[in-house]
Amino acid sequence: MDNVAELGIRDIKPSIFKLYAIDEQILKNTLFDAPYESEVSGAFNSQTQIQLPTADGRMHTFAMVSYHLLHPDLQKQFPDIKAFYGICLENAAMTVVADYSPTYGFRAVVSQPGVGKTYIDHFQRNDLKHRIVYYRKDYQKFSNWKCGVVSEQHDSRETGNGNRALLIGDCMFREYRLALACTGEYATFHGGTIAGALAGMNTTMNRVNGVFAQEIAIRCVIISNNTSIMYTNGTTDPFNNNDGVALLDQNQINTTSLIGTANYDIGHIFSTGGGGVAQLRSVCVAPNGSGTTGRPVVLLEVVLL
C-alpha cells in the first residue's frame, strides 16, 4: 500500500483488506463482451469468464452475463455504466454481482454460502487500477444509522382491488420500474455530475438487486428518463437533503410531476443525510414515490447488506 501513489480520497476503510492491482482495460473489455442474460440459458453457460479473489486470498472463476439495470434507452445515453452477475464455475453456490463505471471502475460483491460476502471496491478516488478486497464483517458501520416507516394512514388508504395472495408462490420473476431521484448533495459526493451520480446508483442497485433476485425473485430497473429527477446542485434542487421524512413528500410530488404516476412502479431518492424512511405497501400504488435512503458514504454504507 505504501507504494501506491495518492490519487484521491479513500472512501472505504475496512479494518482488514487485501489490495490488488488489476488491468482495468482488459477487465472492462472482457465484461463488456459478456452476453446479455437473454442470450444464454443461464450465466453458467456464458463463455465470458473472469477470475476474482475472495477476502481469504483465493481466486475463483466466474461465468458472467450482463443485464439491463438501466432501461435500454438510458443505457444508450451512458454506455460505459453497466451491471453484471455471474456464477462460480468451481462452486455453483457462489455468485457475484459486478458493475463498471468510468467514475469508479470495476466493483463487485461475491456471495459465498457459509462464509459470507466479499466486497471488491476502489482503493481510492481517481484510481481505476487498485482494488480492495474485504469481508463485510470487516467494514465498520455507522452507529447512528436509522431506518423508519411512515404508516399513520395505512389502515384507511386504498391498496387496490387485486388479491395479492395470488402472486405468492407463482414462480414468476418480476421487474419493477424504478424512478430513482437524487439530491444535489448526493451528486456532489459522486463528483458533481449526472454520470457520476448514476454510477453510484448503478453500484447500489446492482447490489440490492442481487439480494432481491435471490430472496424474493424481483429486480428493479431504472427508468429511461431518470435523469430528469437527478440534481447536481443542492441549493437549487427541490429537496431537503438532511430530513428523511420531508424527502418522502418532496420526492413524491416531484416524481409525480416530472415522471407521472403511471410511468413508474417504485420511486425512491438518494441523499447524503436523513437515514432511511419509506412508506409501507406503496409498490405500484400511490404514494409509490415515498422512499429515501441517505448517508454520507451512500453507495457503501447502505449496501453492506
C-alpha atoms as a PDB file:
ATOM      1  CA  MET A   1       0.000   0.000   0.000  1.00  0.00           C
ATOM      2  CA  ASP A   2       2.926   2.348   0.678  1.00  0.00           C
ATOM      3  CA  ASN A   3       3.923   2.029  -2.981  1.00  0.00           C
ATOM      4  CA  VAL A   4       0.562   3.242  -4.303  1.00  0.00           C
ATOM      5  CA  ALA A   5       0.555   6.903  -5.333  1.00  0.00           C
ATOM      6  CA  GLU A   6      -2.098   9.020  -3.642  1.00  0.00           C
ATOM      7  CA  LEU A   7      -4.643   9.935  -6.311  1.00  0.00           C
ATOM      8  CA  GLY A   8      -7.778  10.760  -4.361  1.00  0.00           C
ATOM      9  CA  ILE A   9      -9.887  10.342  -1.252  1.00  0.00           C
ATOM     10  CA  ARG A  10     -10.202   6.897   0.309  1.00  0.00           C
ATOM     11  CA  ASP A  11     -13.942   6.400   0.771  1.00  0.00           C
ATOM     12  CA  ILE A  12     -13.764   2.847   2.081  1.00  0.00           C
ATOM     13  CA  LYS A  13     -11.577   1.880   5.023  1.00  0.00           C
ATOM     14  CA  PRO A  14     -12.203  -1.680   6.228  1.00  0.00           C
ATOM     15  CA  SER A  15     -10.248  -2.813   9.270  1.00  0.00           C
ATOM     16  CA  ILE A  16      -8.822  -5.745   7.274  1.00  0.00           C
ATOM     17  CA  PHE A  17      -8.447  -5.910   3.495  1.00  0.00           C
ATOM     18  CA  LYS A  18      -6.226  -7.120   0.679  1.00  0.00           C
ATOM     19  CA  LEU A  19      -5.008  -4.742  -2.026  1.00  0.00           C
ATOM     20  CA  TYR A  20      -4.893  -5.830  -5.678  1.00  0.00           C
ATOM     21  CA  ALA A  21      -3.679  -4.158  -8.863  1.00  0.00           C
ATOM     22  CA  ILE A  22      -5.751  -5.025 -11.936  1.00  0.00           C
ATOM     23  CA  ASP A  23      -5.505  -4.438 -15.668  1.00  0.00           C
ATOM     24  CA  GLU A  24      -8.632  -2.317 -15.754  1.00  0.00           C
ATOM     25  CA  GLN A  25      -8.907  -2.065 -19.532  1.00  0.00           C
ATOM     26  CA  ILE A  26      -8.653  -5.819 -20.119  1.00  0.00           C
ATOM     27  CA  LEU A  27     -11.207  -6.498 -17.384  1.00  0.00           C
ATOM     28  CA  LYS A  28     -13.576  -3.887 -18.803  1.00  0.00           C
ATOM     29  CA  ASN A  29     -13.240  -5.237 -22.349  1.00  0.00           C
ATOM     30  CA  THR A  30     -13.901  -8.782 -21.152  1.00  0.00           C
ATOM     31  CA  LEU A  31     -17.004  -7.798 -19.205  1.00  0.00           C
ATOM     32  CA  PHE A  32     -18.390  -5.620 -21.968  1.00  0.00           C
ATOM     33  CA  ASP A  33     -18.190  -8.627 -24.299  1.00  0.00           C
ATOM     34  CA  ALA A  34     -20.388 -10.649 -21.930  1.00  0.00           C
ATOM     35  CA  PRO A  35     -23.726 -11.740 -23.419  1.00  0.00           C
ATOM     36  CA  TYR A  36     -26.980 -10.356 -22.132  1.00  0.00           C
ATOM     37  CA  GLU A  37     -28.770 -12.780 -19.854  1.00  0.00           C
ATOM     38  CA  SER A  38     -31.438 -13.425 -22.504  1.00  0.00           C
ATOM     39  CA  GLU A  39     -28.799 -14.640 -24.972  1.00  0.00           C
ATOM     40  CA  VAL A  40     -27.739 -17.665 -22.908  1.00  0.00           C
ATOM     41  CA  SER A  41     -29.615 -20.232 -20.860  1.00  0.00           C
ATOM     42  CA  GLY A  42     -28.221 -19.165 -17.502  1.00  0.00           C
ATOM     43  CA  ALA A  43     -24.986 -17.424 -16.543  1.00  0.00           C
ATOM     44  CA  PHE A  44     -23.256 -20.785 -16.101  1.00  0.00           C
ATOM     45  CA  ASN A  45     -23.349 -21.243 -19.890  1.00  0.00           C
ATOM     46  CA  SER A  46     -21.720 -17.902 -20.686  1.00  0.00           C
ATOM     47  CA  GLN A  47     -18.344 -18.074 -22.409  1.00  0.00           C
ATOM     48  CA  THR A  48     -17.267 -14.826 -20.736  1.00  0.00           C
ATOM     49  CA  GLN A  49     -15.166 -15.763 -17.734  1.00  0.00           C
ATOM     50  CA  ILE A  50     -13.204 -13.696 -15.221  1.00  0.00           C
ATOM     51  CA  GLN A  51     -11.150 -14.577 -12.151  1.00  0.00           C
ATOM     52  CA  LEU A  52     -11.931 -12.809  -8.896  1.00  0.00           C
ATOM     53  CA  PRO A  53     -10.419 -13.063  -5.414  1.00  0.00           C
ATOM     54  CA  THR A  54     -12.285 -13.572  -2.180  1.00  0.00           C
ATOM     55  CA  ALA A  55     -11.134 -11.963   1.043  1.00  0.00           C
ATOM     56  CA  ASP A  56      -9.297 -15.132   2.095  1.00  0.00           C
ATOM     57  CA  GLY A  57      -6.913 -14.677  -0.849  1.00  0.00           C
ATOM     58  CA  ARG A  58      -8.291 -17.487  -3.014  1.00  0.00           C
ATOM     59  CA  MET A  59      -9.088 -16.984  -6.694  1.00  0.00           C
ATOM     60  CA  HIS A  60     -12.303 -18.189  -8.322  1.00  0.00           C
ATOM     61  CA  THR A  61     -13.511 -18.294 -11.926  1.00  0.00           C
ATOM     62  CA  PHE A  62     -16.923 -16.826 -12.708  1.00  0.00           C
ATOM     63  CA  ALA A  63     -19.036 -17.051 -15.862  1.00  0.00           C
ATOM     64  CA  MET A  64     -20.625 -13.639 -16.438  1.00  0.00           C
ATOM     65  CA  VAL A  65     -23.667 -12.121 -18.132  1.00  0.00           C
ATOM     66  CA  SER A  66     -24.906  -8.541 -18.331  1.00  0.00           C
ATOM     67  CA  TYR A  67     -28.430  -7.292 -17.760  1.00  0.00           C
ATOM     68  CA  HIS A  68     -30.376  -4.057 -18.092  1.00  0.00           C
ATOM     69  CA  LEU A  69     -30.271  -2.435 -14.688  1.00  0.00           C
ATOM     70  CA  LEU A  70     -30.610   0.789 -16.664  1.00  0.00           C
ATOM     71  CA  HIS A  71     -33.515   0.910 -19.101  1.00  0.00           C
ATOM     72  CA  PRO A  72     -32.138   0.295 -22.633  1.00  0.00           C
ATOM     73  CA  ASP A  73     -32.784   3.927 -23.628  1.00  0.00           C
ATOM     74  CA  LEU A  74     -30.924   5.175 -20.553  1.00  0.00           C
ATOM     75  CA  GLN A  75     -28.176   2.637 -21.221  1.00  0.00           C
ATOM     76  CA  LYS A  76     -27.641   4.193 -24.661  1.00  0.00           C
ATOM     77  CA  GLN A  77     -27.026   7.558 -23.009  1.00  0.00           C
ATOM     78  CA  PHE A  78     -24.479   6.046 -20.600  1.00  0.00           C
ATOM     79  CA  PRO A  79     -22.934   3.077 -22.446  1.00  0.00           C
ATOM     80  CA  ASP A  80     -19.977   2.793 -20.057  1.00  0.00           C
ATOM     81  CA  ILE A  81     -22.145   2.255 -16.968  1.00  0.00           C
ATOM     82  CA  LYS A  82     -23.185  -1.391 -16.860  1.00  0.00           C
ATOM     83  CA  ALA A  83     -24.261  -4.152 -14.481  1.00  0.00           C
ATOM     84  CA  PHE A  84     -23.403  -7.857 -14.494  1.00  0.00           C
ATOM     85  CA  TYR A  85     -23.867 -11.013 -12.499  1.00  0.00           C
ATOM     86  CA  GLY A  86     -22.243 -14.411 -12.597  1.00  0.00           C
ATOM     87  CA  ILE A  87     -21.796 -17.852 -11.114  1.00  0.00           C
ATOM     88  CA  CYS A  88     -18.649 -19.615  -9.927  1.00  0.00           C
ATOM     89  CA  LEU A  89     -17.607 -22.489 -12.179  1.00  0.00           C
ATOM     90  CA  GLU A  90     -15.961 -24.402  -9.312  1.00  0.00           C
ATOM     91  CA  ASN A  91     -18.849 -23.945  -6.881  1.00  0.00           C
ATOM     92  CA  ALA A  92     -22.295 -23.140  -8.267  1.00  0.00           C
ATOM     93  CA  ALA A  93     -23.428 -21.923  -4.841  1.00  0.00           C
ATOM     94  CA  MET A  94     -21.047 -18.956  -5.168  1.00  0.00           C
ATOM     95  CA  THR A  95     -22.391 -15.965  -7.075  1.00  0.00           C
ATOM     96  CA  VAL A  96     -21.236 -12.464  -7.914  1.00  0.00           C
ATOM     97  CA  VAL A  97     -22.836  -9.154  -8.825  1.00  0.00           C
ATOM     98  CA  ALA A  98     -20.485  -6.716 -10.533  1.00  0.00           C
ATOM     99  CA  ASP A  99     -20.660  -3.310 -12.132  1.00  0.00           C
ATOM    100  CA  TYR A 100     -18.480  -0.924 -14.073  1.00  0.00           C
ATOM    101  CA  SER A 101     -18.393   2.844 -14.486  1.00  0.00           C
ATOM    102  CA  PRO A 102     -15.766   5.359 -15.613  1.00  0.00           C
ATOM    103  CA  THR A 103     -16.107   7.015 -12.195  1.00  0.00           C
ATOM    104  CA  TYR A 104     -15.291   4.014 -10.004  1.00  0.00           C
ATOM    105  CA  GLY A 105     -14.143   1.294 -12.374  1.00  0.00           C
ATOM    106  CA  PHE A 106     -14.851  -2.347 -11.552  1.00  0.00           C
ATOM    107  CA  ARG A 107     -16.699  -3.219  -8.346  1.00  0.00           C
ATOM    108  CA  ALA A 108     -18.281  -6.442  -7.143  1.00  0.00           C
ATOM    109  CA  VAL A 109     -19.783  -8.475  -4.311  1.00  0.00           C
ATOM    110  CA  VAL A 110     -19.078 -12.210  -4.129  1.00  0.00           C
ATOM    111  CA  SER A 111     -21.569 -14.242  -2.082  1.00  0.00           C
ATOM    112  CA  GLN A 112     -20.207 -17.459  -0.608  1.00  0.00           C
ATOM    113  CA  PRO A 113     -22.653 -19.574   1.463  1.00  0.00           C
ATOM    114  CA  GLY A 114     -21.287 -20.473   4.865  1.00  0.00           C
ATOM    115  CA  VAL A 115     -18.507 -17.899   4.566  1.00  0.00           C
ATOM    116  CA  GLY A 116     -20.138 -14.557   3.866  1.00  0.00           C
ATOM    117  CA  LYS A 117     -19.787 -11.756   1.360  1.00  0.00           C
ATOM    118  CA  THR A 118     -16.568 -10.458  -0.141  1.00  0.00           C
ATOM    119  CA  TYR A 119     -16.604  -6.868  -1.370  1.00  0.00           C
ATOM    120  CA  ILE A 120     -14.354  -5.612  -4.155  1.00  0.00           C
ATOM    121  CA  ASP A 121     -14.198  -1.817  -4.288  1.00  0.00           C
ATOM    122  CA  HIS A 122     -11.968   1.019  -5.431  1.00  0.00           C
ATOM    123  CA  PHE A 123      -8.991   1.740  -3.168  1.00  0.00           C
ATOM    124  CA  GLN A 124      -9.225   5.495  -3.708  1.00  0.00           C
ATOM    125  CA  ARG A 125     -10.901   8.032  -5.961  1.00  0.00           C
ATOM    126  CA  ASN A 126      -9.412   8.597  -9.442  1.00  0.00           C
ATOM    127  CA  ASP A 127      -7.735   5.180  -9.351  1.00  0.00           C
ATOM    128  CA  LEU A 128      -9.155   2.512 -11.664  1.00  0.00           C
ATOM    129  CA  LYS A 129      -6.205   0.173 -11.141  1.00  0.00           C
ATOM    130  CA  HIS A 130      -6.200  -0.646  -7.432  1.00  0.00           C
ATOM    131  CA  ARG A 131      -8.990  -2.627  -5.739  1.00  0.00           C
ATOM    132  CA  ILE A 132      -9.507  -3.518  -2.091  1.00  0.00           C
ATOM    133  CA  VAL A 133     -10.986  -6.905  -1.222  1.00  0.00           C
ATOM    134  CA  TYR A 134     -12.581  -7.408   2.188  1.00  0.00           C
ATOM    135  CA  TYR A 135     -15.266  -9.215   4.145  1.00  0.00           C
ATOM    136  CA  ARG A 136     -18.427  -7.349   5.054  1.00  0.00           C
ATOM    137  CA  LYS A 137     -17.768  -8.001   8.746  1.00  0.00           C
ATOM    138  CA  ASP A 138     -14.521  -6.038   8.500  1.00  0.00           C
ATOM    139  CA  TYR A 139     -16.230  -2.803   7.463  1.00  0.00           C
ATOM    140  CA  GLN A 140     -17.486  -0.759  10.407  1.00  0.00           C
ATOM    141  CA  LYS A 141     -20.997   0.585  10.003  1.00  0.00           C
ATOM    142  CA  PHE A 142     -22.134   3.941  11.339  1.00  0.00           C
ATOM    143  CA  SER A 143     -23.657   3.517  14.785  1.00  0.00           C
ATOM    144  CA  ASN A 144     -26.270   6.251  14.284  1.00  0.00           C
ATOM    145  CA  TRP A 145     -27.869   4.844  11.128  1.00  0.00           C
ATOM    146  CA  LYS A 146     -31.669   4.815  11.409  1.00  0.00           C
ATOM    147  CA  CYS A 147     -34.441   3.283   9.313  1.00  0.00           C
ATOM    148  CA  GLY A 148     -38.109   4.189   9.606  1.00  0.00           C
ATOM    149  CA  VAL A 149     -41.529   3.964   8.004  1.00  0.00           C
ATOM    150  CA  VAL A 150     -44.437   6.351   7.691  1.00  0.00           C
ATOM    151  CA  SER A 151     -47.617   4.394   8.305  1.00  0.00           C
ATOM    152  CA  GLU A 152     -50.212   6.573  10.041  1.00  0.00           C
ATOM    153  CA  GLN A 153     -52.647   6.475   7.111  1.00  0.00           C
ATOM    154  CA  HIS A 154     -52.152   2.904   6.035  1.00  0.00           C
ATOM    155  CA  ASP A 155     -55.225   1.381   7.579  1.00  0.00           C
ATOM    156  CA  SER A 156     -57.527   3.661   5.593  1.00  0.00           C
ATOM    157  CA  ARG A 157     -55.527   4.002   2.393  1.00  0.00           C
ATOM    158  CA  GLU A 158     -56.748   2.286  -0.785  1.00  0.00           C
ATOM    159  CA  THR A 159     -54.372  -0.531  -1.696  1.00  0.00           C
ATOM    160  CA  GLY A 160     -56.005  -1.861  -4.841  1.00  0.00           C
ATOM    161  CA  ASN A 161     -58.669  -4.416  -5.655  1.00  0.00           C
ATOM    162  CA  GLY A 162     -56.428  -7.320  -6.646  1.00  0.00           C
ATOM    163  CA  ASN A 163     -55.797 -10.336  -4.476  1.00  0.00           C
ATOM    164  CA  ARG A 164     -52.103 -10.029  -3.654  1.00  0.00           C
ATOM    165  CA  ALA A 165     -52.060 -13.530  -2.217  1.00  0.00           C
ATOM    166  CA  LEU A 166     -52.431 -14.812  -5.776  1.00  0.00           C
ATOM    167  CA  LEU A 167     -48.873 -13.638  -6.501  1.00  0.00           C
ATOM    168  CA  ILE A 168     -47.312 -15.673  -3.726  1.00  0.00           C
ATOM    169  CA  GLY A 169     -45.508 -18.779  -4.942  1.00  0.00           C
ATOM    170  CA  ASP A 170     -46.316 -18.326  -8.638  1.00  0.00           C
ATOM    171  CA  CYS A 171     -42.630 -18.846  -9.590  1.00  0.00           C
ATOM    172  CA  MET A 172     -42.545 -15.670 -11.685  1.00  0.00           C
ATOM    173  CA  PHE A 173     -39.527 -13.354 -11.784  1.00  0.00           C
ATOM    174  CA  ARG A 174     -40.716  -9.745 -11.833  1.00  0.00           C
ATOM    175  CA  GLU A 175     -39.141  -6.440 -12.833  1.00  0.00           C
ATOM    176  CA  TYR A 176     -40.243  -3.131 -11.365  1.00  0.00           C
ATOM    177  CA  ARG A 177     -39.716   0.276 -12.968  1.00  0.00           C
ATOM    178  CA  LEU A 178     -37.644   2.336 -10.548  1.00  0.00           C
ATOM    179  CA  ALA A 179     -37.698   6.139 -10.608  1.00  0.00           C
ATOM    180  CA  LEU A 180     -34.550   6.902  -8.623  1.00  0.00           C
ATOM    181  CA  ALA A 181     -34.030  10.569  -7.811  1.00  0.00           C
ATOM    182  CA  CYS A 182     -31.063  12.161  -6.094  1.00  0.00           C
ATOM    183  CA  THR A 183     -30.363  15.361  -4.227  1.00  0.00           C
ATOM    184  CA  GLY A 184     -27.689  17.757  -5.394  1.00  0.00           C
ATOM    185  CA  GLU A 185     -25.607  16.747  -2.380  1.00  0.00           C
ATOM    186  CA  TYR A 186     -25.652  13.113  -3.496  1.00  0.00           C
ATOM    187  CA  ALA A 187     -24.413  14.085  -6.958  1.00  0.00           C
ATOM    188  CA  THR A 188     -21.718  16.287  -5.408  1.00  0.00           C
ATOM    189  CA  PHE A 189     -20.478  13.296  -3.409  1.00  0.00           C
ATOM    190  CA  HIS A 190     -20.098  11.414  -6.697  1.00  0.00           C
ATOM    191  CA  GLY A 191     -18.177  14.143  -8.484  1.00  0.00           C
ATOM    192  CA  GLY A 192     -20.902  16.666  -9.223  1.00  0.00           C
ATOM    193  CA  THR A 193     -22.157  15.156 -12.483  1.00  0.00           C
ATOM    194  CA  ILE A 194     -25.200  13.163 -13.565  1.00  0.00           C
ATOM    195  CA  ALA A 195     -22.892  10.415 -14.858  1.00  0.00           C
ATOM    196  CA  GLY A 196     -21.122  10.191 -11.500  1.00  0.00           C
ATOM    197  CA  ALA A 197     -24.384  10.061  -9.579  1.00  0.00           C
ATOM    198  CA  LEU A 198     -25.720   7.379 -11.928  1.00  0.00           C
ATOM    199  CA  ALA A 199     -22.519   5.379 -11.381  1.00  0.00           C
ATOM    200  CA  GLY A 200     -23.241   5.413  -7.652  1.00  0.00           C
ATOM    201  CA  MET A 201     -26.840   4.394  -8.247  1.00  0.00           C
ATOM    202  CA  ASN A 202     -25.720   1.601 -10.548  1.00  0.00           C
ATOM    203  CA  THR A 203     -23.472   0.093  -7.881  1.00  0.00           C
ATOM    204  CA  THR A 204     -26.057   0.385  -5.132  1.00  0.00           C
ATOM    205  CA  MET A 205     -28.979  -1.002  -7.101  1.00  0.00           C
ATOM    206  CA  ASN A 206     -26.941  -3.830  -8.609  1.00  0.00           C
ATOM    207  CA  ARG A 207     -26.072  -4.999  -5.108  1.00  0.00           C
ATOM    208  CA  VAL A 208     -29.650  -4.544  -3.940  1.00  0.00           C
ATOM    209  CA  ASN A 209     -30.921  -6.436  -6.990  1.00  0.00           C
ATOM    210  CA  GLY A 210     -28.574  -9.284  -6.120  1.00  0.00           C
ATOM    211  CA  VAL A 211     -30.398  -9.695  -2.815  1.00  0.00           C
ATOM    212  CA  PHE A 212     -33.863  -9.085  -4.271  1.00  0.00           C
ATOM    213  CA  ALA A 213     -33.382 -11.642  -7.042  1.00  0.00           C
ATOM    214  CA  GLN A 214     -32.257 -14.343  -4.654  1.00  0.00           C
ATOM    215  CA  GLU A 215     -34.677 -13.676  -1.816  1.00  0.00           C
ATOM    216  CA  ILE A 216     -37.932 -12.543  -3.459  1.00  0.00           C
ATOM    217  CA  ALA A 217     -37.442 -13.054  -7.231  1.00  0.00           C
ATOM    218  CA  ILE A 218     -37.691  -9.411  -8.240  1.00  0.00           C
ATOM    219  CA  ARG A 219     -35.455  -6.796  -9.850  1.00  0.00           C
ATOM    220  CA  CYS A 220     -35.545  -3.013 -10.149  1.00  0.00           C
ATOM    221  CA  VAL A 221     -34.805  -1.346 -13.496  1.00  0.00           C
ATOM    222  CA  ILE A 222     -34.037   2.378 -13.524  1.00  0.00           C
ATOM    223  CA  ILE A 223     -36.442   4.146 -15.896  1.00  0.00           C
ATOM    224  CA  SER A 224     -35.473   5.639 -19.263  1.00  0.00           C
ATOM    225  CA  ASN A 225     -35.926   9.311 -18.343  1.00  0.00           C
ATOM    226  CA  ASN A 226     -34.437   9.017 -14.871  1.00  0.00           C
ATOM    227  CA  THR A 227     -32.031  11.926 -15.381  1.00  0.00           C
ATOM    228  CA  SER A 228     -34.979  14.333 -15.212  1.00  0.00           C
ATOM    229  CA  ILE A 229     -35.210  13.699 -11.446  1.00  0.00           C
ATOM    230  CA  MET A 230     -31.464  13.775 -10.749  1.00  0.00           C
ATOM    231  CA  TYR A 231     -29.974  17.041  -9.496  1.00  0.00           C
ATOM    232  CA  THR A 232     -26.400  18.312  -9.216  1.00  0.00           C
ATOM    233  CA  ASN A 233     -26.923  21.481  -7.157  1.00  0.00           C
ATOM    234  CA  GLY A 234     -28.031  21.139  -3.556  1.00  0.00           C
ATOM    235  CA  THR A 235     -29.006  24.807  -3.270  1.00  0.00           C
ATOM    236  CA  THR A 236     -31.450  24.751  -6.174  1.00  0.00           C
ATOM    237  CA  ASP A 237     -32.917  21.240  -6.053  1.00  0.00           C
ATOM    238  CA  PRO A 238     -36.440  20.804  -4.598  1.00  0.00           C
ATOM    239  CA  PHE A 239     -35.265  18.669  -1.667  1.00  0.00           C
ATOM    240  CA  ASN A 240     -34.260  18.921   1.987  1.00  0.00           C
ATOM    241  CA  ASN A 241     -31.213  16.639   1.894  1.00  0.00           C
ATOM    242  CA  ASN A 242     -30.978  16.020   5.649  1.00  0.00           C
ATOM    243  CA  ASP A 243     -34.639  15.412   6.524  1.00  0.00           C
ATOM    244  CA  GLY A 244     -35.744  11.907   5.575  1.00  0.00           C
ATOM    245  CA  VAL A 245     -39.423  12.411   6.412  1.00  0.00           C
ATOM    246  CA  ALA A 246     -39.615  15.675   4.456  1.00  0.00           C
ATOM    247  CA  LEU A 247     -37.942  13.983   1.490  1.00  0.00           C
ATOM    248  CA  LEU A 248     -40.810  11.485   1.236  1.00  0.00           C
ATOM    249  CA  ASP A 249     -43.378  14.115   0.290  1.00  0.00           C
ATOM    250  CA  GLN A 250     -40.902  16.201  -1.707  1.00  0.00           C
ATOM    251  CA  ASN A 251     -39.860  13.243  -3.815  1.00  0.00           C
ATOM    252  CA  GLN A 252     -43.424  12.043  -4.300  1.00  0.00           C
ATOM    253  CA  ILE A 253     -44.535  15.454  -5.564  1.00  0.00           C
ATOM    254  CA  ASN A 254     -41.509  15.930  -7.809  1.00  0.00           C
ATOM    255  CA  THR A 255     -41.578  12.423  -9.295  1.00  0.00           C
ATOM    256  CA  THR A 256     -45.315  12.574  -9.959  1.00  0.00           C
ATOM    257  CA  SER A 257     -44.871  15.934 -11.670  1.00  0.00           C
ATOM    258  CA  LEU A 258     -41.876  15.055 -13.863  1.00  0.00           C
ATOM    259  CA  ILE A 259     -42.344  11.314 -14.461  1.00  0.00           C
ATOM    260  CA  GLY A 260     -46.058  10.677 -13.967  1.00  0.00           C
ATOM    261  CA  THR A 261     -47.601   8.122 -11.631  1.00  0.00           C
ATOM    262  CA  ALA A 262     -48.376   5.663 -14.440  1.00  0.00           C
ATOM    263  CA  ASN A 263     -44.767   5.642 -15.656  1.00  0.00           C
ATOM    264  CA  TYR A 264     -43.036   4.037 -12.674  1.00  0.00           C
ATOM    265  CA  ASP A 265     -43.720   1.341 -10.092  1.00  0.00           C
ATOM    266  CA  ILE A 266     -41.385   2.383  -7.274  1.00  0.00           C
ATOM    267  CA  GLY A 267     -39.978   5.816  -6.519  1.00  0.00           C
ATOM    268  CA  HIS A 268     -37.005   6.475  -4.265  1.00  0.00           C
ATOM    269  CA  ILE A 269     -34.470   9.207  -3.606  1.00  0.00           C
ATOM    270  CA  PHE A 270     -30.807   9.021  -2.608  1.00  0.00           C
ATOM    271  CA  SER A 271     -29.385  11.756  -0.381  1.00  0.00           C
ATOM    272  CA  THR A 272     -26.389  12.160   1.917  1.00  0.00           C
ATOM    273  CA  GLY A 273     -28.390  12.560   5.121  1.00  0.00           C
ATOM    274  CA  GLY A 274     -31.671  11.716   6.798  1.00  0.00           C
ATOM    275  CA  GLY A 275     -31.271   7.954   7.128  1.00  0.00           C
ATOM    276  CA  GLY A 276     -33.756   5.568   5.559  1.00  0.00           C
ATOM    277  CA  VAL A 277     -37.509   6.195   5.550  1.00  0.00           C
ATOM    278  CA  ALA A 278     -40.210   4.552   3.441  1.00  0.00           C
ATOM    279  CA  GLN A 279     -43.961   4.245   3.010  1.00  0.00           C
ATOM    280  CA  LEU A 280     -45.373   0.787   3.646  1.00  0.00           C
ATOM    281  CA  ARG A 281     -47.305  -1.121   0.959  1.00  0.00           C
ATOM    282  CA  SER A 282     -46.711   1.511  -1.732  1.00  0.00           C
ATOM    283  CA  VAL A 283     -45.300  -0.507  -4.647  1.00  0.00           C
ATOM    284  CA  CYS A 284     -47.374   0.177  -7.784  1.00  0.00           C
ATOM    285  CA  VAL A 285     -49.921   2.169  -5.760  1.00  0.00           C
ATOM    286  CA  ALA A 286     -49.773   5.780  -4.576  1.00  0.00           C
ATOM    287  CA  PRO A 287     -47.745   7.100  -2.852  1.00  0.00           C
ATOM    288  CA  ASN A 288     -45.236   4.893  -4.670  1.00  0.00           C
ATOM    289  CA  GLY A 289     -42.586   7.620  -4.774  1.00  0.00           C
ATOM    290  CA  SER A 290     -42.209   7.812  -0.999  1.00  0.00           C
ATOM    291  CA  GLY A 291     -38.874   6.269  -0.097  1.00  0.00           C
ATOM    292  CA  THR A 292     -35.483   7.715   0.793  1.00  0.00           C
ATOM    293  CA  THR A 293     -32.006   6.494   1.679  1.00  0.00           C
ATOM    294  CA  GLY A 294     -29.217   8.753   2.850  1.00  0.00           C
ATOM    295  CA  ARG A 295     -25.779   8.530   4.443  1.00  0.00           C
ATOM    296  CA  PRO A 296     -22.508  10.386   3.766  1.00  0.00           C
ATOM    297  CA  VAL A 297     -20.900   7.314   2.162  1.00  0.00           C
ATOM    298  CA  VAL A 298     -24.065   6.387   0.355  1.00  0.00           C
ATOM    299  CA  LEU A 299     -23.215   3.597  -2.035  1.00  0.00           C
ATOM    300  CA  LEU A 300     -21.030   1.839   0.506  1.00  0.00           C
ATOM    301  CA  GLU A 301     -22.673   2.073   3.891  1.00  0.00           C
ATOM    302  CA  VAL A 302     -26.203   1.408   2.727  1.00  0.00           C
ATOM    303  CA  VAL A 303     -25.477  -1.635   0.607  1.00  0.00           C
ATOM    304  CA  LEU A 304     -23.416  -3.609   3.099  1.00  0.00           C
ATOM    305  CA  LEU A 305     -26.474  -5.793   3.484  1.00  0.00           C
END
